[in-house]
Amino acid sequence: MAIMSHQVGPTVVRYRGNIDLNIAKGGRTMKKTVVGIIVLLLLCGCNMSVIRSKDIEGTPTTYCNVLKEPDPLLMGGWKCGYNRHLSDSQEYDFNPVAYYLVKKGDRYALYFYRATRGGAKRFTGWRDFTINGNEIYSDTGVKFVAKDGEVYYIWRNQKPEKMTRITTE
């Protein structure tokens, strides 16, 4: 089978039944550009919610313990990126965190999402948090607080992280 090739800018394109791209010099720049665009899209969020509408449809598997009705600001979905301090290694682990609080009849349910260790470990699903007015908390150390018109995520009494409203896809 004959091999045909031609030069397209810095890229040599060879045809051998299937297309085989041999990226020369300038191809590295293109690769960096594509990777940069992907990273930028991920950082911007581009409405890529970690909680989807199908996650919160239907009947929750568990409900929250309500000591006092939640502040209306806490309702719906919220997300943030949190740098969790690892005391043993003195490093930080970036954790995307999100929740969605819904009212089903006269009960409240919270769908939770958190990824740790670069996404290798994920905590997702309906969780039995406690609601006490402007606070939602669990016995694991996770807390969401409504204060001065904002919602904050707090992990085991570390520095609060401001959250932003999300919509489901």
N, C-alpha and C. Protein backbone atom coordinates (compact mmCIF):
# COMPACT_ATOMS: atom_id res chain seq x y z
N MET A 1 0.85 -1.18 0.00
CA MET A 1 0.00 0.00 0.00
C MET A 1 0.89 1.23 0.00
N ALA A 2 0.61 2.15 -0.86
CA ALA A 2 1.40 3.37 -0.96
C ALA A 2 1.06 4.31 0.19
N ILE A 3 2.09 4.99 0.69
CA ILE A 3 1.89 5.96 1.76
C ILE A 3 1.95 7.34 1.14
N MET A 4 0.91 8.10 1.35
CA MET A 4 0.87 9.45 0.83
C MET A 4 0.97 10.40 2.00
N SER A 5 1.70 11.49 1.84
CA SER A 5 1.78 12.48 2.91
C SER A 5 1.88 13.86 2.31
N HIS A 6 1.54 14.83 3.10
CA HIS A 6 1.72 16.22 2.71
C HIS A 6 1.85 17.08 3.96
N GLN A 7 2.47 18.23 3.78
CA GLN A 7 2.73 19.15 4.89
C GLN A 7 1.55 20.10 5.06
N VAL A 8 1.02 20.18 6.30
CA VAL A 8 -0.03 21.13 6.63
C VAL A 8 0.50 21.95 7.79
N GLY A 9 1.05 23.12 7.48
CA GLY A 9 1.70 23.93 8.52
C GLY A 9 2.82 23.12 9.14
N PRO A 10 2.91 23.08 10.47
CA PRO A 10 3.98 22.34 11.13
C PRO A 10 3.65 20.85 11.28
N THR A 11 2.48 20.41 10.80
CA THR A 11 2.05 19.03 10.98
C THR A 11 2.21 18.24 9.68
N VAL A 12 2.76 17.05 9.80
CA VAL A 12 2.87 16.15 8.66
C VAL A 12 1.71 15.18 8.75
N VAL A 13 0.89 15.13 7.71
CA VAL A 13 -0.26 14.24 7.69
C VAL A 13 0.05 13.10 6.75
N ARG A 14 -0.04 11.88 7.26
CA ARG A 14 0.22 10.70 6.44
C ARG A 14 -1.07 9.90 6.31
N TYR A 15 -1.35 9.40 5.13
CA TYR A 15 -2.53 8.59 4.91
C TYR A 15 -2.08 7.17 4.62
N ARG A 16 -2.55 6.24 5.40
CA ARG A 16 -2.22 4.84 5.21
C ARG A 16 -3.47 4.03 5.55
N GLY A 17 -4.46 4.11 4.76
CA GLY A 17 -5.73 3.47 5.09
C GLY A 17 -6.46 4.31 6.13
N ASN A 18 -5.90 4.41 7.32
CA ASN A 18 -6.44 5.28 8.36
C ASN A 18 -5.56 6.52 8.42
N ILE A 19 -6.05 7.57 8.97
CA ILE A 19 -5.27 8.80 9.08
C ILE A 19 -4.35 8.67 10.28
N ASP A 20 -3.06 8.96 10.07
CA ASP A 20 -2.06 8.92 11.12
C ASP A 20 -1.44 10.31 11.19
N LEU A 21 -1.60 10.99 12.31
CA LEU A 21 -1.05 12.34 12.45
C LEU A 21 0.27 12.27 13.18
N ASN A 22 1.30 12.82 12.58
CA ASN A 22 2.60 12.92 13.21
C ASN A 22 2.81 14.39 13.51
N ILE A 23 2.68 14.77 14.76
CA ILE A 23 2.74 16.17 15.12
C ILE A 23 4.19 16.59 15.29
N ALA A 24 4.60 17.56 14.50
CA ALA A 24 5.96 18.09 14.57
C ALA A 24 5.95 19.41 15.33
N LYS A 25 7.07 20.01 15.53
CA LYS A 25 7.30 21.25 16.28
C LYS A 25 6.07 22.00 16.76
N GLY A 26 5.35 22.64 15.88
CA GLY A 26 4.23 23.50 16.25
C GLY A 26 3.05 22.75 16.85
N GLY A 27 3.00 21.45 16.70
CA GLY A 27 1.91 20.66 17.25
C GLY A 27 1.87 20.73 18.76
N ARG A 28 3.03 20.88 19.40
CA ARG A 28 3.07 20.99 20.86
C ARG A 28 2.34 22.24 21.33
N THR A 29 2.48 23.32 20.57
CA THR A 29 1.80 24.56 20.90
C THR A 29 0.28 24.36 20.83
N MET A 30 -0.17 23.67 19.79
CA MET A 30 -1.59 23.39 19.65
C MET A 30 -2.08 22.52 20.82
N LYS A 31 -1.29 21.55 21.20
CA LYS A 31 -1.65 20.66 22.30
C LYS A 31 -1.78 21.47 23.60
N LYS A 32 -0.84 22.36 23.85
CA LYS A 32 -0.89 23.20 25.05
C LYS A 32 -2.12 24.11 25.01
N THR A 33 -2.44 24.63 23.84
CA THR A 33 -3.60 25.50 23.69
C THR A 33 -4.89 24.75 24.00
N VAL A 34 -5.02 23.55 23.47
CA VAL A 34 -6.22 22.74 23.72
C VAL A 34 -6.33 22.40 25.20
N VAL A 35 -5.23 22.00 25.82
CA VAL A 35 -5.24 21.69 27.25
C VAL A 35 -5.60 22.94 28.05
N GLY A 36 -5.06 24.08 27.67
CA GLY A 36 -5.37 25.34 28.35
C GLY A 36 -6.84 25.69 28.26
N ILE A 37 -7.44 25.48 27.10
CA ILE A 37 -8.86 25.77 26.91
C ILE A 37 -9.70 24.84 27.79
N ILE A 38 -9.35 23.58 27.84
CA ILE A 38 -10.09 22.62 28.67
C ILE A 38 -10.00 23.01 30.14
N VAL A 39 -8.81 23.35 30.61
CA VAL A 39 -8.63 23.77 32.00
C VAL A 39 -9.46 25.03 32.28
N LEU A 40 -9.43 25.98 31.38
CA LEU A 40 -10.20 27.21 31.54
C LEU A 40 -11.69 26.92 31.65
N LEU A 41 -12.20 26.04 30.80
CA LEU A 41 -13.62 25.67 30.86
C LEU A 41 -13.96 25.02 32.20
N LEU A 42 -13.08 24.17 32.68
CA LEU A 42 -13.33 23.52 33.96
C LEU A 42 -13.31 24.52 35.11
N LEU A 43 -12.38 25.47 35.07
CA LEU A 43 -12.30 26.46 36.14
C LEU A 43 -13.48 27.43 36.12
N CYS A 44 -13.95 27.76 34.95
CA CYS A 44 -15.08 28.68 34.83
C CYS A 44 -16.40 28.03 35.24
N GLY A 45 -16.42 26.74 35.20
CA GLY A 45 -17.64 26.04 35.58
C GLY A 45 -18.54 25.76 34.41
N CYS A 46 -18.71 26.73 33.55
CA CYS A 46 -19.55 26.59 32.35
C CYS A 46 -20.85 25.85 32.63
N ASN A 47 -21.43 26.11 33.79
CA ASN A 47 -22.68 25.49 34.21
C ASN A 47 -22.60 23.97 34.24
N MET A 48 -21.41 23.43 34.44
CA MET A 48 -21.24 21.99 34.58
C MET A 48 -21.42 21.66 36.05
N SER A 49 -22.64 21.46 36.46
CA SER A 49 -22.95 21.21 37.85
C SER A 49 -22.59 19.78 38.23
N VAL A 50 -22.09 19.61 39.44
CA VAL A 50 -21.78 18.27 39.93
C VAL A 50 -23.03 17.56 40.43
N ILE A 51 -24.11 18.31 40.63
CA ILE A 51 -25.40 17.72 40.99
C ILE A 51 -26.34 17.95 39.81
N ARG A 52 -26.85 16.88 39.27
CA ARG A 52 -27.75 16.96 38.11
C ARG A 52 -29.20 16.80 38.56
N SER A 53 -30.13 17.22 37.73
CA SER A 53 -31.55 17.13 38.08
C SER A 53 -31.97 15.70 38.35
N LYS A 54 -31.39 14.74 37.64
CA LYS A 54 -31.77 13.33 37.87
C LYS A 54 -31.33 12.85 39.25
N ASP A 55 -30.31 13.50 39.84
CA ASP A 55 -29.85 13.13 41.17
C ASP A 55 -30.88 13.46 42.24
N ILE A 56 -31.64 14.52 42.04
CA ILE A 56 -32.56 14.98 43.08
C ILE A 56 -34.04 14.70 42.73
N GLU A 57 -34.28 14.01 41.63
CA GLU A 57 -35.65 13.64 41.27
C GLU A 57 -36.11 12.49 42.15
N GLY A 58 -37.39 12.34 42.28
CA GLY A 58 -37.94 11.19 43.00
C GLY A 58 -37.90 11.37 44.51
N THR A 59 -37.98 10.25 45.19
CA THR A 59 -38.06 10.25 46.65
C THR A 59 -36.67 10.09 47.26
N PRO A 60 -36.30 10.99 48.17
CA PRO A 60 -35.00 10.87 48.85
C PRO A 60 -34.92 9.57 49.67
N THR A 61 -33.72 9.08 49.86
CA THR A 61 -33.52 7.85 50.65
C THR A 61 -33.40 8.13 52.13
N THR A 62 -33.15 9.38 52.51
CA THR A 62 -33.09 9.78 53.91
C THR A 62 -33.48 11.26 54.02
N TYR A 63 -33.89 11.65 55.22
CA TYR A 63 -34.33 13.03 55.44
C TYR A 63 -33.53 13.67 56.57
N CYS A 64 -33.55 14.99 56.59
CA CYS A 64 -32.81 15.75 57.61
C CYS A 64 -33.58 15.79 58.93
N ASN A 65 -32.84 15.93 60.00
CA ASN A 65 -33.39 16.17 61.32
C ASN A 65 -33.56 17.69 61.44
N VAL A 66 -34.78 18.17 61.66
CA VAL A 66 -35.04 19.61 61.68
C VAL A 66 -35.29 20.08 63.11
N LEU A 67 -34.35 20.87 63.64
CA LEU A 67 -34.53 21.48 64.96
C LEU A 67 -35.28 22.79 64.84
N LYS A 68 -35.00 23.51 63.73
CA LYS A 68 -35.65 24.78 63.42
C LYS A 68 -35.70 24.89 61.90
N GLU A 69 -36.82 25.38 61.36
CA GLU A 69 -36.98 25.51 59.91
C GLU A 69 -35.76 26.21 59.30
N PRO A 70 -35.32 25.78 58.10
CA PRO A 70 -34.12 26.39 57.51
C PRO A 70 -34.35 27.82 57.02
N ASP A 71 -33.30 28.61 57.11
CA ASP A 71 -33.28 29.92 56.48
C ASP A 71 -33.58 29.69 55.00
N PRO A 72 -34.52 30.42 54.39
CA PRO A 72 -34.86 30.21 52.97
C PRO A 72 -33.65 30.31 52.03
N LEU A 73 -32.65 31.07 52.42
CA LEU A 73 -31.44 31.20 51.60
C LEU A 73 -30.74 29.85 51.40
N LEU A 74 -30.85 28.95 52.36
CA LEU A 74 -30.19 27.64 52.29
C LEU A 74 -30.86 26.68 51.32
N MET A 75 -32.08 26.99 50.90
CA MET A 75 -32.82 26.11 49.98
C MET A 75 -32.18 26.11 48.60
N GLY A 76 -32.37 25.02 47.87
CA GLY A 76 -31.82 24.90 46.52
C GLY A 76 -30.39 24.43 46.53
N GLY A 77 -29.66 24.79 45.46
CA GLY A 77 -28.30 24.28 45.29
C GLY A 77 -27.23 25.32 45.48
N TRP A 78 -26.12 24.86 46.08
CA TRP A 78 -24.96 25.71 46.35
C TRP A 78 -23.69 24.91 46.11
N LYS A 79 -22.62 25.60 45.67
CA LYS A 79 -21.35 24.92 45.43
C LYS A 79 -20.17 25.83 45.77
N CYS A 80 -19.02 25.21 45.99
CA CYS A 80 -17.77 25.95 46.17
C CYS A 80 -16.60 25.01 45.94
N GLY A 81 -15.43 25.58 45.81
CA GLY A 81 -14.19 24.83 45.78
C GLY A 81 -13.45 25.13 47.07
N TYR A 82 -13.05 24.12 47.76
CA TYR A 82 -12.47 24.30 49.09
C TYR A 82 -11.10 23.66 49.16
N ASN A 83 -10.10 24.40 49.64
CA ASN A 83 -8.77 23.85 49.85
C ASN A 83 -8.67 23.32 51.27
N ARG A 84 -8.81 22.02 51.39
CA ARG A 84 -8.78 21.37 52.70
C ARG A 84 -7.33 21.20 53.14
N HIS A 85 -7.02 21.69 54.33
CA HIS A 85 -5.66 21.60 54.88
C HIS A 85 -5.44 20.21 55.46
N LEU A 86 -4.39 19.53 54.99
CA LEU A 86 -4.03 18.21 55.50
C LEU A 86 -2.93 18.39 56.53
N SER A 87 -3.28 18.29 57.80
CA SER A 87 -2.34 18.60 58.88
C SER A 87 -1.13 17.66 58.92
N ASP A 88 -1.31 16.40 58.54
CA ASP A 88 -0.19 15.46 58.60
C ASP A 88 0.90 15.77 57.58
N SER A 89 0.51 16.26 56.39
CA SER A 89 1.51 16.56 55.35
C SER A 89 1.71 18.05 55.13
N GLN A 90 0.93 18.90 55.80
CA GLN A 90 0.98 20.35 55.63
C GLN A 90 0.68 20.78 54.19
N GLU A 91 -0.06 19.95 53.45
CA GLU A 91 -0.46 20.26 52.09
C GLU A 91 -1.94 20.59 52.06
N TYR A 92 -2.42 20.98 50.87
CA TYR A 92 -3.83 21.27 50.68
C TYR A 92 -4.40 20.32 49.64
N ASP A 93 -5.65 19.92 49.84
CA ASP A 93 -6.36 19.05 48.92
C ASP A 93 -7.60 19.80 48.45
N PHE A 94 -7.67 20.10 47.14
CA PHE A 94 -8.81 20.84 46.60
C PHE A 94 -10.04 19.94 46.58
N ASN A 95 -11.11 20.39 47.22
CA ASN A 95 -12.36 19.64 47.31
C ASN A 95 -13.51 20.43 46.70
N PRO A 96 -14.05 19.99 45.55
CA PRO A 96 -15.30 20.60 45.09
C PRO A 96 -16.42 20.09 46.01
N VAL A 97 -17.26 21.01 46.47
CA VAL A 97 -18.34 20.68 47.40
C VAL A 97 -19.63 21.29 46.86
N ALA A 98 -20.73 20.55 46.97
CA ALA A 98 -22.03 21.07 46.56
C ALA A 98 -23.12 20.39 47.37
N TYR A 99 -24.24 21.08 47.50
CA TYR A 99 -25.41 20.44 48.11
C TYR A 99 -26.67 21.00 47.46
N TYR A 100 -27.75 20.24 47.61
CA TYR A 100 -29.05 20.69 47.12
C TYR A 100 -30.08 20.33 48.18
N LEU A 101 -30.71 21.35 48.79
CA LEU A 101 -31.70 21.15 49.83
C LEU A 101 -33.09 21.29 49.24
N VAL A 102 -33.92 20.26 49.40
CA VAL A 102 -35.28 20.26 48.86
C VAL A 102 -36.28 20.02 49.99
N LYS A 103 -37.50 20.46 49.75
CA LYS A 103 -38.59 20.18 50.69
C LYS A 103 -39.56 19.24 49.98
N LYS A 104 -39.79 18.09 50.59
CA LYS A 104 -40.71 17.09 50.05
C LYS A 104 -41.84 16.94 51.07
N GLY A 105 -43.00 17.47 50.75
CA GLY A 105 -44.10 17.47 51.72
C GLY A 105 -43.73 18.40 52.87
N ASP A 106 -43.72 17.87 54.07
CA ASP A 106 -43.33 18.68 55.23
C ASP A 106 -41.94 18.31 55.75
N ARG A 107 -41.16 17.58 54.93
CA ARG A 107 -39.83 17.14 55.33
C ARG A 107 -38.77 17.72 54.39
N TYR A 108 -37.54 17.82 54.91
CA TYR A 108 -36.43 18.35 54.13
C TYR A 108 -35.42 17.23 53.86
N ALA A 109 -34.83 17.28 52.67
CA ALA A 109 -33.80 16.30 52.29
C ALA A 109 -32.64 17.04 51.65
N LEU A 110 -31.43 16.56 51.90
CA LEU A 110 -30.23 17.21 51.38
C LEU A 110 -29.40 16.22 50.56
N TYR A 111 -29.17 16.57 49.29
CA TYR A 111 -28.29 15.79 48.43
C TYR A 111 -26.92 16.43 48.50
N PHE A 112 -25.90 15.64 48.78
CA PHE A 112 -24.56 16.15 49.06
C PHE A 112 -23.56 15.61 48.05
N TYR A 113 -22.58 16.45 47.68
CA TYR A 113 -21.48 16.03 46.80
C TYR A 113 -20.18 16.63 47.32
N ARG A 114 -19.16 15.80 47.45
CA ARG A 114 -17.82 16.27 47.78
C ARG A 114 -16.81 15.29 47.21
N ALA A 115 -15.78 15.81 46.55
CA ALA A 115 -14.71 14.97 46.01
C ALA A 115 -13.40 15.36 46.69
N THR A 116 -12.61 14.37 47.06
CA THR A 116 -11.31 14.61 47.69
C THR A 116 -10.23 13.86 46.93
N ARG A 117 -8.99 14.17 47.27
CA ARG A 117 -7.83 13.50 46.68
C ARG A 117 -7.88 13.48 45.15
N GLY A 118 -8.14 14.66 44.60
CA GLY A 118 -8.16 14.80 43.13
C GLY A 118 -9.32 14.07 42.47
N GLY A 119 -10.39 13.83 43.21
CA GLY A 119 -11.55 13.13 42.66
C GLY A 119 -11.51 11.63 42.88
N ALA A 120 -10.42 11.12 43.48
CA ALA A 120 -10.30 9.69 43.70
C ALA A 120 -11.31 9.18 44.73
N LYS A 121 -11.72 10.04 45.64
CA LYS A 121 -12.69 9.67 46.67
C LYS A 121 -13.86 10.65 46.60
N ARG A 122 -15.06 10.11 46.47
CA ARG A 122 -16.25 10.96 46.34
C ARG A 122 -17.29 10.57 47.38
N PHE A 123 -17.95 11.60 47.91
CA PHE A 123 -19.05 11.41 48.84
C PHE A 123 -20.28 12.02 48.16
N THR A 124 -21.22 11.21 47.74
CA THR A 124 -22.40 11.71 47.05
C THR A 124 -23.65 11.00 47.53
N GLY A 125 -24.76 11.70 47.44
CA GLY A 125 -26.05 11.10 47.74
C GLY A 125 -26.82 11.85 48.80
N TRP A 126 -27.98 11.32 49.11
CA TRP A 126 -28.83 11.89 50.15
C TRP A 126 -28.19 11.62 51.49
N ARG A 127 -28.11 12.65 52.34
CA ARG A 127 -27.46 12.52 53.65
C ARG A 127 -28.38 13.05 54.74
N ASP A 128 -28.22 12.50 55.94
CA ASP A 128 -29.07 12.89 57.07
C ASP A 128 -28.42 13.99 57.90
N PHE A 129 -28.43 15.20 57.36
CA PHE A 129 -27.91 16.38 58.03
C PHE A 129 -28.93 16.87 59.07
N THR A 130 -28.47 17.74 59.96
CA THR A 130 -29.34 18.41 60.93
C THR A 130 -29.51 19.86 60.49
N ILE A 131 -30.75 20.33 60.48
CA ILE A 131 -31.06 21.72 60.11
C ILE A 131 -31.46 22.46 61.37
N ASN A 132 -30.78 23.60 61.61
CA ASN A 132 -31.10 24.43 62.77
C ASN A 132 -31.08 25.90 62.34
N GLY A 133 -32.18 26.34 61.69
CA GLY A 133 -32.30 27.73 61.27
C GLY A 133 -31.32 28.10 60.18
N ASN A 134 -30.28 28.87 60.54
CA ASN A 134 -29.31 29.33 59.53
C ASN A 134 -28.13 28.37 59.38
N GLU A 135 -28.19 27.18 60.00
CA GLU A 135 -27.11 26.19 59.89
C GLU A 135 -27.64 24.81 59.47
N ILE A 136 -26.85 24.16 58.65
CA ILE A 136 -27.08 22.76 58.31
C ILE A 136 -25.76 22.07 58.61
N TYR A 137 -25.79 20.99 59.40
CA TYR A 137 -24.53 20.34 59.76
C TYR A 137 -24.70 18.83 59.89
N SER A 138 -23.55 18.14 59.85
CA SER A 138 -23.54 16.69 60.02
C SER A 138 -22.55 16.34 61.12
N ASP A 139 -22.60 15.10 61.57
CA ASP A 139 -21.67 14.66 62.60
C ASP A 139 -20.27 14.39 62.05
N THR A 140 -20.08 14.54 60.73
CA THR A 140 -18.76 14.34 60.12
C THR A 140 -17.90 15.59 60.12
N GLY A 141 -18.50 16.74 60.48
CA GLY A 141 -17.75 18.00 60.50
C GLY A 141 -18.10 18.94 59.38
N VAL A 142 -19.03 18.55 58.50
CA VAL A 142 -19.48 19.41 57.41
C VAL A 142 -20.56 20.35 57.94
N LYS A 143 -20.44 21.63 57.56
CA LYS A 143 -21.44 22.62 58.00
C LYS A 143 -21.67 23.63 56.87
N PHE A 144 -22.94 23.98 56.68
CA PHE A 144 -23.33 25.05 55.76
C PHE A 144 -24.03 26.12 56.60
N VAL A 145 -23.62 27.38 56.42
CA VAL A 145 -24.15 28.47 57.24
C VAL A 145 -24.62 29.61 56.35
N ALA A 146 -25.82 30.13 56.63
CA ALA A 146 -26.33 31.33 55.96
C ALA A 146 -26.05 32.51 56.89
N LYS A 147 -25.31 33.50 56.36
CA LYS A 147 -24.95 34.66 57.17
C LYS A 147 -24.82 35.89 56.26
N ASP A 148 -25.50 36.97 56.63
CA ASP A 148 -25.42 38.24 55.90
C ASP A 148 -25.72 38.08 54.41
N GLY A 149 -26.71 37.27 54.07
CA GLY A 149 -27.11 37.11 52.67
C GLY A 149 -26.23 36.19 51.85
N GLU A 150 -25.30 35.50 52.47
CA GLU A 150 -24.38 34.59 51.78
C GLU A 150 -24.49 33.21 52.42
N VAL A 151 -24.03 32.18 51.68
CA VAL A 151 -23.97 30.82 52.22
C VAL A 151 -22.50 30.40 52.22
N TYR A 152 -22.07 29.79 53.34
CA TYR A 152 -20.68 29.38 53.51
C TYR A 152 -20.60 27.89 53.82
N TYR A 153 -19.51 27.28 53.36
CA TYR A 153 -19.18 25.89 53.68
C TYR A 153 -18.05 25.92 54.70
N ILE A 154 -18.20 25.11 55.76
CA ILE A 154 -17.15 25.03 56.78
C ILE A 154 -16.84 23.55 57.02
N TRP A 155 -15.57 23.22 56.98
CA TRP A 155 -15.13 21.85 57.25
C TRP A 155 -14.37 21.82 58.58
N ARG A 156 -14.93 21.15 59.55
CA ARG A 156 -14.32 20.96 60.87
C ARG A 156 -13.72 22.24 61.44
N ASN A 157 -14.50 23.28 61.46
CA ASN A 157 -14.13 24.58 62.04
C ASN A 157 -12.92 25.24 61.36
N GLN A 158 -12.61 24.85 60.12
CA GLN A 158 -11.57 25.56 59.37
C GLN A 158 -12.20 26.82 58.78
N LYS A 159 -11.43 27.55 58.02
CA LYS A 159 -11.88 28.82 57.44
C LYS A 159 -13.12 28.61 56.56
N PRO A 160 -14.18 29.43 56.74
CA PRO A 160 -15.38 29.32 55.90
C PRO A 160 -15.08 29.65 54.44
N GLU A 161 -15.74 28.95 53.55
CA GLU A 161 -15.59 29.18 52.10
C GLU A 161 -16.94 29.63 51.55
N LYS A 162 -16.96 30.78 50.89
CA LYS A 162 -18.21 31.32 50.32
C LYS A 162 -18.67 30.43 49.17
N MET A 163 -19.95 30.15 49.14
CA MET A 163 -20.54 29.30 48.11
C MET A 163 -21.28 30.16 47.08
N THR A 164 -21.51 29.58 45.91
CA THR A 164 -22.30 30.24 44.87
C THR A 164 -23.49 29.37 44.51
N ARG A 165 -24.56 30.02 44.09
CA ARG A 165 -25.81 29.34 43.73
C ARG A 165 -25.58 28.48 42.49
N ILE A 166 -26.19 27.30 42.45
CA ILE A 166 -26.12 26.45 41.25
C ILE A 166 -27.52 26.14 40.78
N THR A 167 -27.59 25.77 39.51
CA THR A 167 -28.82 25.24 38.94
C THR A 167 -28.49 23.84 38.45
N THR A 168 -29.47 22.98 38.41
CA THR A 168 -29.23 21.62 37.94
C THR A 168 -29.44 21.55 36.45
N GLU A 169 -28.77 20.59 35.84
CA GLU A 169 -28.88 20.40 34.38
C GLU A 169 -29.77 19.23 34.09
